[in-house]
Amino acid sequence: MKYGYVFKIDDAPSANVWKQSREIELLDGLKVYGLEGDFDIEEGKGEMFSKSDFLIWLSENAKQQDLE
């Protein structure tokens, strides 16, 4: 299972299993949408990570209230 984000919610693959509470606000105010599943996304539309790498990315890039 991989985790990641897309910049536009419409770019989320239909196989995405993260359906609710998936909006993530980044430190710069940009909003992205979380993904979970066994798939890749097109280059430039977002990024996918292993679970541990995603948690590191999230802690370094998301506003703190999004992590609670």
N, C-alpha and C. Protein backbone atom coordinates (compact mmCIF):
# COMPACT_ATOMS: atom_id res chain seq x y z
N MET A 1 0.86 -1.17 0.00
CA MET A 1 0.00 0.00 0.00
C MET A 1 0.90 1.24 0.00
N LYS A 2 0.59 2.19 -0.87
CA LYS A 2 1.34 3.43 -0.94
C LYS A 2 0.42 4.59 -0.55
N TYR A 3 1.04 5.69 -0.16
CA TYR A 3 0.33 6.89 0.24
C TYR A 3 0.91 8.07 -0.51
N GLY A 4 0.10 9.09 -0.71
CA GLY A 4 0.59 10.27 -1.41
C GLY A 4 -0.47 11.33 -1.51
N TYR A 5 -0.31 12.18 -2.53
CA TYR A 5 -1.24 13.29 -2.73
C TYR A 5 -1.31 13.67 -4.20
N VAL A 6 -2.39 14.33 -4.55
CA VAL A 6 -2.53 14.97 -5.86
C VAL A 6 -2.88 16.44 -5.61
N PHE A 7 -2.55 17.27 -6.59
CA PHE A 7 -2.85 18.69 -6.49
C PHE A 7 -4.33 18.98 -6.77
N LYS A 8 -4.94 18.20 -7.67
CA LYS A 8 -6.36 18.38 -8.03
C LYS A 8 -7.11 17.11 -7.67
N ILE A 9 -8.19 17.23 -6.95
CA ILE A 9 -8.94 16.05 -6.51
C ILE A 9 -9.41 15.20 -7.69
N ASP A 10 -9.65 15.83 -8.83
CA ASP A 10 -10.09 15.10 -10.02
C ASP A 10 -9.01 14.19 -10.58
N ASP A 11 -7.76 14.39 -10.17
CA ASP A 11 -6.66 13.55 -10.64
C ASP A 11 -6.47 12.30 -9.79
N ALA A 12 -7.26 12.13 -8.75
CA ALA A 12 -7.15 10.94 -7.91
C ALA A 12 -7.64 9.71 -8.68
N PRO A 13 -6.86 8.64 -8.67
CA PRO A 13 -7.29 7.42 -9.35
C PRO A 13 -8.56 6.86 -8.71
N SER A 14 -9.37 6.18 -9.49
CA SER A 14 -10.62 5.61 -8.97
C SER A 14 -10.34 4.54 -7.92
N ALA A 15 -9.14 3.95 -7.93
CA ALA A 15 -8.79 2.91 -6.95
C ALA A 15 -8.35 3.50 -5.61
N ASN A 16 -8.36 4.82 -5.47
CA ASN A 16 -7.98 5.46 -4.21
C ASN A 16 -8.94 5.03 -3.10
N VAL A 17 -8.39 4.56 -1.98
CA VAL A 17 -9.25 4.14 -0.87
C VAL A 17 -9.36 5.19 0.22
N TRP A 18 -8.61 6.28 0.15
CA TRP A 18 -8.69 7.39 1.12
C TRP A 18 -9.77 8.33 0.61
N LYS A 19 -10.96 8.21 1.12
CA LYS A 19 -12.11 8.94 0.57
C LYS A 19 -12.55 10.13 1.41
N GLN A 20 -12.31 10.13 2.73
CA GLN A 20 -12.81 11.21 3.58
C GLN A 20 -11.66 11.88 4.33
N SER A 21 -11.86 13.13 4.70
CA SER A 21 -10.87 13.91 5.45
C SER A 21 -9.51 13.85 4.79
N ARG A 22 -9.49 14.04 3.49
CA ARG A 22 -8.25 13.87 2.73
C ARG A 22 -7.63 15.17 2.26
N GLU A 23 -8.25 16.32 2.57
CA GLU A 23 -7.65 17.59 2.20
C GLU A 23 -6.52 17.91 3.18
N ILE A 24 -5.34 18.19 2.65
CA ILE A 24 -4.16 18.49 3.46
C ILE A 24 -3.70 19.90 3.10
N GLU A 25 -3.65 20.78 4.08
CA GLU A 25 -3.15 22.12 3.84
C GLU A 25 -1.66 22.16 4.17
N LEU A 26 -0.87 22.61 3.20
CA LEU A 26 0.57 22.65 3.37
C LEU A 26 1.00 23.96 4.03
N LEU A 27 2.24 24.02 4.45
CA LEU A 27 2.76 25.20 5.15
C LEU A 27 2.62 26.48 4.34
N ASP A 28 2.69 26.37 3.00
CA ASP A 28 2.57 27.55 2.14
C ASP A 28 1.12 27.89 1.78
N GLY A 29 0.16 27.16 2.39
CA GLY A 29 -1.26 27.41 2.14
C GLY A 29 -1.86 26.60 1.01
N LEU A 30 -1.03 25.94 0.22
CA LEU A 30 -1.52 25.09 -0.87
C LEU A 30 -2.28 23.91 -0.29
N LYS A 31 -3.38 23.52 -0.92
CA LYS A 31 -4.14 22.35 -0.49
C LYS A 31 -3.93 21.22 -1.48
N VAL A 32 -3.67 20.04 -0.94
CA VAL A 32 -3.53 18.84 -1.75
C VAL A 32 -4.48 17.79 -1.19
N TYR A 33 -4.62 16.67 -1.89
CA TYR A 33 -5.61 15.66 -1.52
C TYR A 33 -4.93 14.30 -1.36
N GLY A 34 -5.10 13.70 -0.19
CA GLY A 34 -4.43 12.45 0.14
C GLY A 34 -4.91 11.27 -0.68
N LEU A 35 -3.98 10.34 -0.91
CA LEU A 35 -4.25 9.12 -1.66
C LEU A 35 -3.75 7.91 -0.87
N GLU A 36 -4.42 6.79 -1.03
CA GLU A 36 -3.98 5.53 -0.46
C GLU A 36 -4.36 4.42 -1.42
N GLY A 37 -3.41 3.55 -1.73
CA GLY A 37 -3.71 2.43 -2.61
C GLY A 37 -2.47 1.88 -3.28
N ASP A 38 -2.67 0.90 -4.12
CA ASP A 38 -1.58 0.27 -4.86
C ASP A 38 -1.62 0.75 -6.31
N PHE A 39 -1.14 1.94 -6.55
CA PHE A 39 -1.14 2.53 -7.89
C PHE A 39 -0.09 3.62 -7.95
N ASP A 40 0.19 4.09 -9.13
CA ASP A 40 1.06 5.24 -9.34
C ASP A 40 0.22 6.34 -9.94
N ILE A 41 0.69 7.57 -9.84
CA ILE A 41 -0.01 8.69 -10.46
C ILE A 41 0.91 9.32 -11.50
N GLU A 42 0.31 10.03 -12.42
CA GLU A 42 1.08 10.65 -13.49
C GLU A 42 2.03 11.70 -12.93
N GLU A 43 3.21 11.77 -13.53
CA GLU A 43 4.21 12.76 -13.12
C GLU A 43 3.63 14.17 -13.25
N GLY A 44 3.88 14.99 -12.24
CA GLY A 44 3.40 16.36 -12.23
C GLY A 44 2.03 16.55 -11.60
N LYS A 45 1.31 15.45 -11.34
CA LYS A 45 -0.02 15.55 -10.74
C LYS A 45 -0.01 15.36 -9.24
N GLY A 46 1.13 14.93 -8.69
CA GLY A 46 1.26 14.69 -7.27
C GLY A 46 2.46 13.81 -7.01
N GLU A 47 2.41 13.08 -5.91
CA GLU A 47 3.54 12.23 -5.55
C GLU A 47 3.06 11.08 -4.69
N MET A 48 3.71 9.92 -4.84
CA MET A 48 3.39 8.74 -4.04
C MET A 48 4.62 8.34 -3.24
N PHE A 49 4.39 7.76 -2.04
CA PHE A 49 5.45 7.39 -1.11
C PHE A 49 5.12 6.05 -0.47
N SER A 50 6.12 5.46 0.18
CA SER A 50 5.85 4.37 1.11
C SER A 50 5.14 5.01 2.31
N LYS A 51 4.52 4.22 3.15
CA LYS A 51 3.81 4.77 4.31
C LYS A 51 4.76 5.56 5.22
N SER A 52 5.93 5.00 5.51
CA SER A 52 6.85 5.70 6.41
C SER A 52 7.36 7.00 5.79
N ASP A 53 7.66 6.99 4.50
CA ASP A 53 8.10 8.23 3.84
C ASP A 53 6.98 9.26 3.77
N PHE A 54 5.74 8.81 3.59
CA PHE A 54 4.62 9.74 3.55
C PHE A 54 4.43 10.41 4.91
N LEU A 55 4.55 9.65 5.99
CA LEU A 55 4.40 10.23 7.33
C LEU A 55 5.49 11.26 7.60
N ILE A 56 6.71 11.01 7.13
CA ILE A 56 7.79 11.99 7.26
C ILE A 56 7.45 13.23 6.44
N TRP A 57 7.04 13.04 5.18
CA TRP A 57 6.69 14.16 4.31
C TRP A 57 5.57 14.98 4.95
N LEU A 58 4.55 14.30 5.47
CA LEU A 58 3.41 14.97 6.08
C LEU A 58 3.85 15.81 7.28
N SER A 59 4.70 15.25 8.14
CA SER A 59 5.14 15.99 9.32
C SER A 59 5.98 17.21 8.95
N GLU A 60 6.67 17.16 7.83
CA GLU A 60 7.53 18.27 7.40
C GLU A 60 6.79 19.32 6.57
N ASN A 61 5.65 18.96 5.98
CA ASN A 61 5.00 19.85 5.02
C ASN A 61 3.59 20.30 5.35
N ALA A 62 2.88 19.58 6.21
CA ALA A 62 1.49 19.93 6.52
C ALA A 62 1.43 20.90 7.70
N LYS A 63 0.43 21.77 7.68
CA LYS A 63 0.20 22.63 8.84
C LYS A 63 -0.11 21.73 10.03
N GLN A 64 0.31 22.13 11.19
CA GLN A 64 0.21 21.29 12.37
C GLN A 64 -1.21 20.86 12.72
N GLN A 65 -2.20 21.72 12.53
CA GLN A 65 -3.56 21.33 12.89
C GLN A 65 -4.05 20.17 12.03
N ASP A 66 -3.46 19.96 10.85
CA ASP A 66 -3.85 18.84 9.99
C ASP A 66 -3.30 17.52 10.50
N LEU A 67 -2.35 17.57 11.43
CA LEU A 67 -1.74 16.33 11.92
C LEU A 67 -2.41 15.80 13.18
N GLU A 68 -3.30 16.57 13.77
CA GLU A 68 -3.94 16.15 15.01
C GLU A 68 -5.06 15.17 14.76
